[in-house]
PDB file of N, CA and C in Angstrom:
ATOM      1  N   MET A   1      50.914  85.723  71.313  1.00  0.00           N
ATOM      2  CA  MET A   1      51.229  86.304  70.042  1.00  0.00           C
ATOM      3  C   MET A   1      49.971  86.491  69.209  1.00  0.00           C
ATOM      4  N   ALA A   2      49.154  85.476  69.146  1.00  0.00           N
ATOM      5  CA  ALA A   2      47.938  85.548  68.326  1.00  0.00           C
ATOM      6  C   ALA A   2      47.025  86.671  68.801  1.00  0.00           C
ATOM      7  N   GLN A   3      46.869  86.796  70.125  1.00  0.00           N
ATOM      8  CA  GLN A   3      46.005  87.850  70.657  1.00  0.00           C
ATOM      9  C   GLN A   3      46.555  89.236  70.321  1.00  0.00           C
ATOM     10  N   ASP A   4      47.860  89.403  70.439  1.00  0.00           N
ATOM     11  CA  ASP A   4      48.474  90.695  70.117  1.00  0.00           C
ATOM     12  C   ASP A   4      48.303  91.025  68.645  1.00  0.00           C
ATOM     13  N   LEU A   5      48.534  90.044  67.778  1.00  0.00           N
ATOM     14  CA  LEU A   5      48.384  90.283  66.337  1.00  0.00           C
ATOM     15  C   LEU A   5      46.937  90.594  65.977  1.00  0.00           C
ATOM     16  N   ALA A   6      45.998  89.894  66.597  1.00  0.00           N
ATOM     17  CA  ALA A   6      44.584  90.171  66.341  1.00  0.00           C
ATOM     18  C   ALA A   6      44.221  91.581  66.789  1.00  0.00           C
ATOM     19  N   ALA A   7      44.742  91.989  67.943  1.00  0.00           N
ATOM     20  CA  ALA A   7      44.483  93.349  68.428  1.00  0.00           C
ATOM     21  C   ALA A   7      45.086  94.399  67.506  1.00  0.00           C
ATOM     22  N   ASP A   8      46.156  94.020  66.783  1.00  0.00           N
ATOM     23  CA  ASP A   8      46.783  94.932  65.815  1.00  0.00           C
ATOM     24  C   ASP A   8      46.013  94.988  64.503  1.00  0.00           C
ATOM     25  N   GLY A   9      45.019  94.104  64.346  1.00  0.00           N
ATOM     26  CA  GLY A   9      44.215  94.098  63.136  1.00  0.00           C
ATOM     27  C   GLY A   9      44.693  93.136  62.059  1.00  0.00           C
ATOM     28  N   ALA A  10      45.627  92.240  62.403  1.00  0.00           N
ATOM     29  CA  ALA A  10      46.109  91.262  61.422  1.00  0.00           C
ATOM     30  C   ALA A  10      44.994  90.274  61.093  1.00  0.00           C
ATOM     31  N   ASP A  11      44.987  89.804  59.848  1.00  0.00           N
ATOM     32  CA  ASP A  11      43.948  88.840  59.471  1.00  0.00           C
ATOM     33  C   ASP A  11      44.314  87.441  59.977  1.00  0.00           C
ATOM     34  N   ALA A  12      43.328  86.577  60.039  1.00  0.00           N
ATOM     35  CA  ALA A  12      43.477  85.245  60.636  1.00  0.00           C
ATOM     36  C   ALA A  12      44.554  84.412  59.945  1.00  0.00           C
ATOM     37  N   ASP A  13      44.657  84.503  58.620  1.00  0.00           N
ATOM     38  CA  ASP A  13      45.680  83.725  57.901  1.00  0.00           C
ATOM     39  C   ASP A  13      47.091  84.190  58.258  1.00  0.00           C
ATOM     40  N   ALA A  14      47.281  85.499  58.335  1.00  0.00           N
ATOM     41  CA  ALA A  14      48.597  86.046  58.703  1.00  0.00           C
ATOM     42  C   ALA A  14      48.962  85.632  60.126  1.00  0.00           C
ATOM     43  N   ILE A  15      47.992  85.670  61.016  1.00  0.00           N
ATOM     44  CA  ILE A  15      48.226  85.258  62.399  1.00  0.00           C
ATOM     45  C   ILE A  15      48.622  83.791  62.450  1.00  0.00           C
ATOM     46  N   ALA A  16      47.900  82.957  61.748  1.00  0.00           N
ATOM     47  CA  ALA A  16      48.192  81.515  61.736  1.00  0.00           C
ATOM     48  C   ALA A  16      49.598  81.248  61.203  1.00  0.00           C
ATOM     49  N   ARG A  17      49.995  81.957  60.156  1.00  0.00           N
ATOM     50  CA  ARG A  17      51.346  81.783  59.594  1.00  0.00           C
ATOM     51  C   ARG A  17      52.420  82.175  60.607  1.00  0.00           C
ATOM     52  N   ARG A  18      52.250  83.340  61.235  1.00  0.00           N
ATOM     53  CA  ARG A  18      53.254  83.821  62.190  1.00  0.00           C
ATOM     54  C   ARG A  18      53.362  82.885  63.389  1.00  0.00           C
ATOM     55  N   VAL A  19      52.235  82.427  63.891  1.00  0.00           N
ATOM     56  CA  VAL A  19      52.240  81.503  65.027  1.00  0.00           C
ATOM     57  C   VAL A  19      52.913  80.190  64.628  1.00  0.00           C
ATOM     58  N   ALA A  20      52.604  79.685  63.444  1.00  0.00           N
ATOM     59  CA  ALA A  20      53.207  78.427  62.981  1.00  0.00           C
ATOM     60  C   ALA A  20      54.721  78.554  62.836  1.00  0.00           C
ATOM     61  N   ILE A  21      55.183  79.680  62.314  1.00  0.00           N
ATOM     62  CA  ILE A  21      56.623  79.891  62.152  1.00  0.00           C
ATOM     63  C   ILE A  21      57.312  79.923  63.515  1.00  0.00           C
ATOM     64  N   SER A  22      56.759  80.687  64.454  1.00  0.00           N
ATOM     65  CA  SER A  22      57.355  80.768  65.788  1.00  0.00           C
ATOM     66  C   SER A  22      57.334  79.407  66.481  1.00  0.00           C
ATOM     67  N   HIS A  23      56.224  78.704  66.354  1.00  0.00           N
ATOM     68  CA  HIS A  23      56.107  77.376  66.973  1.00  0.00           C
ATOM     69  C   HIS A  23      57.160  76.434  66.399  1.00  0.00           C
ATOM     70  N   ALA A  24      57.332  76.437  65.085  1.00  0.00           N
ATOM     71  CA  ALA A  24      58.314  75.551  64.450  1.00  0.00           C
ATOM     72  C   ALA A  24      59.731  75.887  64.898  1.00  0.00           C
ATOM     73  N   ARG A  25      60.043  77.163  65.004  1.00  0.00           N
ATOM     74  CA  ARG A  25      61.389  77.563  65.440  1.00  0.00           C
ATOM     75  C   ARG A  25      61.656  77.071  66.858  1.00  0.00           C
ATOM     76  N   LEU A  26      60.687  77.258  67.731  1.00  0.00           N
ATOM     77  CA  LEU A  26      60.900  76.892  69.128  1.00  0.00           C
ATOM     78  C   LEU A  26      60.887  75.381  69.349  1.00  0.00           C
ATOM     79  N   THR A  27      59.970  74.679  68.721  1.00  0.00           N
ATOM     80  CA  THR A  27      59.881  73.233  68.944  1.00  0.00           C
ATOM     81  C   THR A  27      60.885  72.456  68.107  1.00  0.00           C
ATOM     82  N   GLY A  28      61.442  73.075  67.088  1.00  0.00           N
ATOM     83  CA  GLY A  28      62.422  72.401  66.246  1.00  0.00           C
ATOM     84  C   GLY A  28      63.855  72.553  66.722  1.00  0.00           C
ATOM     85  N   ALA A  29      64.078  73.417  67.678  1.00  0.00           N
ATOM     86  CA  ALA A  29      65.436  73.637  68.182  1.00  0.00           C
ATOM     87  C   ALA A  29      65.844  72.498  69.112  1.00  0.00           C
ATOM     88  N   PRO A  30      67.075  71.997  68.962  1.00  0.00           N
ATOM     89  CA  PRO A  30      67.517  70.936  69.870  1.00  0.00           C
ATOM     90  C   PRO A  30      67.728  71.437  71.294  1.00  0.00           C
ATOM     91  N   VAL A  31      68.016  72.724  71.444  1.00  0.00           N
ATOM     92  CA  VAL A  31      68.246  73.329  72.755  1.00  0.00           C
ATOM     93  C   VAL A  31      67.676  74.740  72.732  1.00  0.00           C
ATOM     94  N   ILE A  32      67.055  75.130  73.820  1.00  0.00           N
ATOM     95  CA  ILE A  32      66.587  76.507  73.976  1.00  0.00           C
ATOM     96  C   ILE A  32      67.183  77.038  75.278  1.00  0.00           C
ATOM     97  N   VAL A  33      67.816  78.179  75.190  1.00  0.00           N
ATOM     98  CA  VAL A  33      68.364  78.851  76.361  1.00  0.00           C
ATOM     99  C   VAL A  33      67.502  80.077  76.613  1.00  0.00           C
ATOM    100  N   VAL A  34      66.981  80.198  77.814  1.00  0.00           N
ATOM    101  CA  VAL A  34      66.146  81.342  78.163  1.00  0.00           C
ATOM    102  C   VAL A  34      66.898  82.168  79.203  1.00  0.00           C
ATOM    103  N   PRO A  35      67.576  83.216  78.750  1.00  0.00           N
ATOM    104  CA  PRO A  35      68.280  84.074  79.713  1.00  0.00           C
ATOM    105  C   PRO A  35      67.265  84.764  80.622  1.00  0.00           C
ATOM    106  N   CYS A  36      67.562  84.779  81.894  1.00  0.00           N
ATOM    107  CA  CYS A  36      66.661  85.394  82.875  1.00  0.00           C
ATOM    108  C   CYS A  36      67.466  86.282  83.812  1.00  0.00           C
ATOM    109  N   LEU A  37      66.762  87.174  84.458  1.00  0.00           N
ATOM    110  CA  LEU A  37      67.399  87.971  85.496  1.00  0.00           C
ATOM    111  C   LEU A  37      66.464  88.114  86.670  1.00  0.00           C
ATOM    112  N   THR A  38      67.076  88.385  87.790  1.00  0.00           N
ATOM    113  CA  THR A  38      66.325  88.697  88.996  1.00  0.00           C
ATOM    114  C   THR A  38      67.000  89.902  89.634  1.00  0.00           C
ATOM    115  N   MET A  39      66.229  90.689  90.294  1.00  0.00           N
ATOM    116  CA  MET A  39      66.781  91.859  90.976  1.00  0.00           C
ATOM    117  C   MET A  39      67.092  91.557  92.442  1.00  0.00           C
ATOM    118  N   GLU A  40      66.931  90.316  92.860  1.00  0.00           N
ATOM    119  CA  GLU A  40      67.103  89.955  94.267  1.00  0.00           C
ATOM    120  C   GLU A  40      68.465  90.343  94.834  1.00  0.00           C
ATOM    121  N   ASP A  41      69.529  90.159  94.076  1.00  0.00           N
ATOM    122  CA  ASP A  41      70.878  90.441  94.585  1.00  0.00           C
ATOM    123  C   ASP A  41      71.417  91.789  94.129  1.00  0.00           C
ATOM    124  N   MET A  42      70.568  92.564  93.471  1.00  0.00           N
ATOM    125  CA  MET A  42      70.995  93.886  92.998  1.00  0.00           C
ATOM    126  C   MET A  42      70.787  94.903  94.115  1.00  0.00           C
ATOM    127  N   ASP A  43      71.469  96.026  94.001  1.00  0.00           N
ATOM    128  CA  ASP A  43      71.312  97.086  94.997  1.00  0.00           C
ATOM    129  C   ASP A  43      69.932  97.715  94.892  1.00  0.00           C
ATOM    130  N   ALA A  44      69.395  98.098  96.022  1.00  0.00           N
ATOM    131  CA  ALA A  44      68.114  98.811  96.075  1.00  0.00           C
ATOM    132  C   ALA A  44      68.368 100.201  96.641  1.00  0.00           C
ATOM    133  N   TYR A  45      67.732 101.188  96.035  1.00  0.00           N
ATOM    134  CA  TYR A  45      67.932 102.580  96.426  1.00  0.00           C
ATOM    135  C   TYR A  45      66.600 103.193  96.837  1.00  0.00           C
ATOM    136  N   PRO A  46      66.644 104.283  97.593  1.00  0.00           N
ATOM    137  CA  PRO A  46      65.397 104.915  98.013  1.00  0.00           C
ATOM    138  C   PRO A  46      64.718 105.742  96.920  1.00  0.00           C
ATOM    139  N   ASP A  47      65.368 105.887  95.750  1.00  0.00           N
ATOM    140  CA  ASP A  47      64.756 106.706  94.697  1.00  0.00           C
ATOM    141  C   ASP A  47      64.601 105.904  93.401  1.00  0.00           C
ATOM    142  N   LEU A  48      63.596 106.299  92.634  1.00  0.00           N
ATOM    143  CA  LEU A  48      63.245 105.615  91.393  1.00  0.00           C
ATOM    144  C   LEU A  48      64.356 105.690  90.350  1.00  0.00           C
ATOM    145  N   ARG A  49      65.030 106.834  90.246  1.00  0.00           N
ATOM    146  CA  ARG A  49      66.062 107.016  89.223  1.00  0.00           C
ATOM    147  C   ARG A  49      67.178 105.979  89.345  1.00  0.00           C
ATOM    148  N   ARG A  50      67.710 105.804  90.551  1.00  0.00           N
ATOM    149  CA  ARG A  50      68.805 104.840  90.733  1.00  0.00           C
ATOM    150  C   ARG A  50      68.307 103.401  90.655  1.00  0.00           C
ATOM    151  N   ASN A  51      67.102 103.127  91.124  1.00  0.00           N
ATOM    152  CA  ASN A  51      66.550 101.774  90.979  1.00  0.00           C
ATOM    153  C   ASN A  51      66.373 101.418  89.512  1.00  0.00           C
ATOM    154  N   HIS A  52      65.909 102.372  88.716  1.00  0.00           N
ATOM    155  CA  HIS A  52      65.763 102.120  87.281  1.00  0.00           C
ATOM    156  C   HIS A  52      67.131 101.882  86.639  1.00  0.00           C
ATOM    157  N   ALA A  53      68.129 102.652  87.035  1.00  0.00           N
ATOM    158  CA  ALA A  53      69.483 102.461  86.504  1.00  0.00           C
ATOM    159  C   ALA A  53      70.020 101.079  86.875  1.00  0.00           C
ATOM    160  N   GLU A  54      69.747 100.637  88.085  1.00  0.00           N
ATOM    161  CA  GLU A  54      70.188  99.303  88.528  1.00  0.00           C
ATOM    162  C   GLU A  54      69.514  98.214  87.690  1.00  0.00           C
ATOM    163  N   TRP A  55      68.213  98.372  87.459  1.00  0.00           N
ATOM    164  CA  TRP A  55      67.480  97.421  86.618  1.00  0.00           C
ATOM    165  C   TRP A  55      68.032  97.424  85.194  1.00  0.00           C
ATOM    166  N   GLN A  56      68.277  98.617  84.659  1.00  0.00           N
ATOM    167  CA  GLN A  56      68.801  98.730  83.298  1.00  0.00           C
ATOM    168  C   GLN A  56      70.182  98.081  83.195  1.00  0.00           C
ATOM    169  N   MET A  57      71.004  98.243  84.216  1.00  0.00           N
ATOM    170  CA  MET A  57      72.321  97.619  84.233  1.00  0.00           C
ATOM    171  C   MET A  57      72.177  96.092  84.229  1.00  0.00           C
ATOM    172  N   ALA A  58      71.220  95.578  84.985  1.00  0.00           N
ATOM    173  CA  ALA A  58      70.996  94.131  85.017  1.00  0.00           C
ATOM    174  C   ALA A  58      70.547  93.617  83.654  1.00  0.00           C
ATOM    175  N   VAL A  59      69.628  94.332  83.006  1.00  0.00           N
ATOM    176  CA  VAL A  59      69.164  93.936  81.680  1.00  0.00           C
ATOM    177  C   VAL A  59      70.329  93.931  80.693  1.00  0.00           C
ATOM    178  N   GLN A  60      71.144  94.972  80.728  1.00  0.00           N
ATOM    179  CA  GLN A  60      72.287  95.049  79.822  1.00  0.00           C
ATOM    180  C   GLN A  60      73.280  93.923  80.089  1.00  0.00           C
ATOM    181  N   SER A  61      73.487  93.590  81.348  1.00  0.00           N
ATOM    182  CA  SER A  61      74.420  92.513  81.688  1.00  0.00           C
ATOM    183  C   SER A  61      73.941  91.175  81.146  1.00  0.00           C
ATOM    184  N   VAL A  62      72.650  90.899  81.292  1.00  0.00           N
ATOM    185  CA  VAL A  62      72.099  89.647  80.768  1.00  0.00           C
ATOM    186  C   VAL A  62      72.199  89.628  79.235  1.00  0.00           C
ATOM    187  N   ALA A  63      71.900  90.760  78.604  1.00  0.00           N
ATOM    188  CA  ALA A  63      71.981  90.825  77.142  1.00  0.00           C
ATOM    189  C   ALA A  63      73.416  90.605  76.664  1.00  0.00           C
ATOM    190  N   LEU A  64      74.380  91.221  77.339  1.00  0.00           N
ATOM    191  CA  LEU A  64      75.782  91.042  76.943  1.00  0.00           C
ATOM    192  C   LEU A  64      76.249  89.607  77.173  1.00  0.00           C
ATOM    193  N   ALA A  65      75.848  89.014  78.259  1.00  0.00           N
ATOM    194  CA  ALA A  65      76.211  87.621  78.522  1.00  0.00           C
ATOM    195  C   ALA A  65      75.608  86.699  77.460  1.00  0.00           C
ATOM    196  N   THR A  66      74.378  87.003  77.062  1.00  0.00           N
ATOM    197  CA  THR A  66      73.716  86.210  76.031  1.00  0.00           C
ATOM    198  C   THR A  66      74.440  86.362  74.695  1.00  0.00           C
ATOM    199  N   GLN A  67      74.866  87.579  74.371  1.00  0.00           N
ATOM    200  CA  GLN A  67      75.628  87.791  73.133  1.00  0.00           C
ATOM    201  C   GLN A  67      76.913  86.973  73.162  1.00  0.00           C
ATOM    202  N   ASN A  68      77.591  86.939  74.310  1.00  0.00           N
ATOM    203  CA  ASN A  68      78.807  86.133  74.419  1.00  0.00           C
ATOM    204  C   ASN A  68      78.501  84.651  74.214  1.00  0.00           C
ATOM    205  N   LEU A  69      77.371  84.202  74.716  1.00  0.00           N
ATOM    206  CA  LEU A  69      76.953  82.813  74.509  1.00  0.00           C
ATOM    207  C   LEU A  69      76.716  82.536  73.025  1.00  0.00           C
ATOM    208  N   LEU A  70      76.068  83.478  72.335  1.00  0.00           N
ATOM    209  CA  LEU A  70      75.834  83.318  70.899  1.00  0.00           C
ATOM    210  C   LEU A  70      77.158  83.283  70.136  1.00  0.00           C
ATOM    211  N   LEU A  71      78.094  84.132  70.513  1.00  0.00           N
ATOM    212  CA  LEU A  71      79.408  84.137  69.861  1.00  0.00           C
ATOM    213  C   LEU A  71      80.163  82.837  70.126  1.00  0.00           C
ATOM    214  N   ALA A  72      80.075  82.321  71.341  1.00  0.00           N
ATOM    215  CA  ALA A  72      80.730  81.052  71.663  1.00  0.00           C
ATOM    216  C   ALA A  72      80.113  79.910  70.867  1.00  0.00           C
ATOM    217  N   ALA A  73      78.798  79.915  70.715  1.00  0.00           N
ATOM    218  CA  ALA A  73      78.141  78.878  69.906  1.00  0.00           C
ATOM    219  C   ALA A  73      78.627  78.954  68.463  1.00  0.00           C
ATOM    220  N   HIS A  74      78.709  80.162  67.931  1.00  0.00           N
ATOM    221  CA  HIS A  74      79.197  80.339  66.555  1.00  0.00           C
ATOM    222  C   HIS A  74      80.640  79.836  66.426  1.00  0.00           C
ATOM    223  N   ALA A  75      81.483  80.180  67.387  1.00  0.00           N
ATOM    224  CA  ALA A  75      82.878  79.736  67.356  1.00  0.00           C
ATOM    225  C   ALA A  75      82.991  78.214  67.407  1.00  0.00           C
ATOM    226  N   ALA A  76      82.016  77.573  68.036  1.00  0.00           N
ATOM    227  CA  ALA A  76      82.005  76.109  68.128  1.00  0.00           C
ATOM    228  C   ALA A  76      81.339  75.460  66.914  1.00  0.00           C
ATOM    229  N   GLY A  77      80.947  76.288  65.936  1.00  0.00           N
ATOM    230  CA  GLY A  77      80.328  75.761  64.730  1.00  0.00           C
ATOM    231  C   GLY A  77      78.840  75.493  64.860  1.00  0.00           C
ATOM    232  N   LEU A  78      78.225  76.053  65.868  1.00  0.00           N
ATOM    233  CA  LEU A  78      76.790  75.855  66.091  1.00  0.00           C
ATOM    234  C   LEU A  78      76.005  77.059  65.594  1.00  0.00           C
ATOM    235  N   GLY A  79      74.807  76.805  65.139  1.00  0.00           N
ATOM    236  CA  GLY A  79      73.921  77.889  64.755  1.00  0.00           C
ATOM    237  C   GLY A  79      73.099  78.315  65.965  1.00  0.00           C
ATOM    238  N   ALA A  80      72.906  79.597  66.096  1.00  0.00           N
ATOM    239  CA  ALA A  80      72.113  80.115  67.213  1.00  0.00           C
ATOM    240  C   ALA A  80      71.505  81.446  66.799  1.00  0.00           C
ATOM    241  N   CYS A  81      70.401  81.788  67.414  1.00  0.00           N
ATOM    242  CA  CYS A  81      69.800  83.088  67.129  1.00  0.00           C
ATOM    243  C   CYS A  81      69.107  83.609  68.370  1.00  0.00           C
ATOM    244  N   TRP A  82      68.974  84.906  68.418  1.00  0.00           N
ATOM    245  CA  TRP A  82      68.305  85.607  69.512  1.00  0.00           C
ATOM    246  C   TRP A  82      66.833  85.693  69.166  1.00  0.00           C
ATOM    247  N   MET A  83      65.990  85.261  70.048  1.00  0.00           N
ATOM    248  CA  MET A  83      64.541  85.396  69.869  1.00  0.00           C
ATOM    249  C   MET A  83      63.974  86.035  71.124  1.00  0.00           C
ATOM    250  N   CYS A  84      63.041  86.915  70.956  1.00  0.00           N
ATOM    251  CA  CYS A  84      62.454  87.637  72.089  1.00  0.00           C
ATOM    252  C   CYS A  84      61.051  87.172  72.425  1.00  0.00           C
ATOM    253  N   ALA A  85      60.635  86.044  71.917  1.00  0.00           N
ATOM    254  CA  ALA A  85      59.269  85.573  72.118  1.00  0.00           C
ATOM    255  C   ALA A  85      58.898  85.484  73.595  1.00  0.00           C
ATOM    256  N   ALA A  86      59.850  85.079  74.431  1.00  0.00           N
ATOM    257  CA  ALA A  86      59.547  84.916  75.863  1.00  0.00           C
ATOM    258  C   ALA A  86      59.119  86.219  76.523  1.00  0.00           C
ATOM    259  N   LEU A  87      59.561  87.341  75.989  1.00  0.00           N
ATOM    260  CA  LEU A  87      59.191  88.639  76.562  1.00  0.00           C
ATOM    261  C   LEU A  87      57.705  88.941  76.421  1.00  0.00           C
ATOM    262  N   PHE A  88      57.056  88.326  75.449  1.00  0.00           N
ATOM    263  CA  PHE A  88      55.647  88.591  75.200  1.00  0.00           C
ATOM    264  C   PHE A  88      54.726  87.699  76.025  1.00  0.00           C
ATOM    265  N   VAL A  89      55.269  86.633  76.596  1.00  0.00           N
ATOM    266  CA  VAL A  89      54.467  85.716  77.423  1.00  0.00           C
ATOM    267  C   VAL A  89      55.243  85.323  78.683  1.00  0.00           C
ATOM    268  N   PRO A  90      55.658  86.304  79.487  1.00  0.00           N
ATOM    269  CA  PRO A  90      56.515  85.988  80.631  1.00  0.00           C
ATOM    270  C   PRO A  90      55.861  85.061  81.657  1.00  0.00           C
ATOM    271  N   ASP A  91      54.567  85.222  81.886  1.00  0.00           N
ATOM    272  CA  ASP A  91      53.900  84.354  82.866  1.00  0.00           C
ATOM    273  C   ASP A  91      53.890  82.907  82.402  1.00  0.00           C
ATOM    274  N   LEU A  92      53.645  82.687  81.122  1.00  0.00           N
ATOM    275  CA  LEU A  92      53.657  81.332  80.571  1.00  0.00           C
ATOM    276  C   LEU A  92      55.057  80.719  80.660  1.00  0.00           C
ATOM    277  N   VAL A  93      56.080  81.497  80.334  1.00  0.00           N
ATOM    278  CA  VAL A  93      57.456  81.001  80.408  1.00  0.00           C
ATOM    279  C   VAL A  93      57.816  80.630  81.843  1.00  0.00           C
ATOM    280  N   ARG A  94      57.458  81.505  82.790  1.00  0.00           N
ATOM    281  CA  ARG A  94      57.732  81.203  84.197  1.00  0.00           C
ATOM    282  C   ARG A  94      57.015  79.921  84.633  1.00  0.00           C
ATOM    283  N   GLN A  95      55.786  79.745  84.175  1.00  0.00           N
ATOM    284  CA  GLN A  95      55.016  78.550  84.544  1.00  0.00           C
ATOM    285  C   GLN A  95      55.638  77.295  83.938  1.00  0.00           C
ATOM    286  N   VAL A  96      55.921  77.321  82.652  1.00  0.00           N
ATOM    287  CA  VAL A  96      56.457  76.142  81.965  1.00  0.00           C
ATOM    288  C   VAL A  96      57.830  75.757  82.511  1.00  0.00           C
ATOM    289  N   LEU A  97      58.667  76.753  82.796  1.00  0.00           N
ATOM    290  CA  LEU A  97      60.025  76.476  83.274  1.00  0.00           C
ATOM    291  C   LEU A  97      60.119  76.446  84.798  1.00  0.00           C
ATOM    292  N   ASP A  98      58.984  76.631  85.456  1.00  0.00           N
ATOM    293  CA  ASP A  98      58.923  76.630  86.914  1.00  0.00           C
ATOM    294  C   ASP A  98      59.906  77.635  87.514  1.00  0.00           C
ATOM    295  N   LEU A  99      59.889  78.854  86.967  1.00  0.00           N
ATOM    296  CA  LEU A  99      60.744  79.932  87.462  1.00  0.00           C
ATOM    297  C   LEU A  99      60.032  80.658  88.596  1.00  0.00           C
ATOM    298  N   PRO A 100      60.787  81.182  89.537  1.00  0.00           N
ATOM    299  CA  PRO A 100      60.142  81.963  90.603  1.00  0.00           C
ATOM    300  C   PRO A 100      59.567  83.264  90.035  1.00  0.00           C
ATOM    301  N   ASN A 101      58.614  83.834  90.733  1.00  0.00           N
ATOM    302  CA  ASN A 101      58.012  85.090  90.282  1.00  0.00           C
ATOM    303  C   ASN A 101      59.023  86.221  90.222  1.00  0.00           C
ATOM    304  N   THR A 102      60.123  86.101  90.953  1.00  0.00           N
ATOM    305  CA  THR A 102      61.145  87.142  90.938  1.00  0.00           C
ATOM    306  C   THR A 102      62.026  87.043  89.707  1.00  0.00           C
ATOM    307  N   GLY A 103      61.939  85.934  88.974  1.00  0.00           N
ATOM    308  CA  GLY A 103      62.757  85.749  87.784  1.00  0.00           C
ATOM    309  C   GLY A 103      62.153  86.416  86.573  1.00  0.00           C
ATOM    310  N   SER A 104      62.971  86.692  85.632  1.00  0.00           N
ATOM    311  CA  SER A 104      62.521  87.299  84.396  1.00  0.00           C
ATOM    312  C   SER A 104      62.642  86.216  83.344  1.00  0.00           C
ATOM    313  N   PRO A 105      61.985  86.189  82.271  1.00  0.00           N
ATOM    314  CA  PRO A 105      61.534  87.311  81.467  1.00  0.00           C
ATOM    315  C   PRO A 105      60.299  87.985  82.044  1.00  0.00           C
ATOM    316  N   ARG A 106      60.271  89.259  81.953  1.00  0.00           N
ATOM    317  CA  ARG A 106      59.120  90.053  82.377  1.00  0.00           C
ATOM    318  C   ARG A 106      58.828  91.121  81.367  1.00  0.00           C
ATOM    319  N   ARG A 107      57.616  91.626  81.480  1.00  0.00           N
ATOM    320  CA  ARG A 107      57.224  92.755  80.627  1.00  0.00           C
ATOM    321  C   ARG A 107      57.871  93.993  81.149  1.00  0.00           C
TER     322      ARG A 107
END
């Protein structure tokens, strides 16, 4: 995050604030759920158009399942929010959570 913000021209104080806020949100949560997907069990096609559609369908399925999880948490009286931070550091997330290279989050 800091490198991306610096490349965008943000000043050091703004970067420090944004990083601190994200860090507090992630480390202060009692539970973190990281939805992931893999294309291993999805259909593979000989053309790019259908492969992209298959990937897009997988992304949409994970997003919809995650929304249902957020709704279930709300129904149970729990607070929850969607954060996309993992999308910006997929290699770090895979390393920390010991996910296979075929797993997502990915860029």
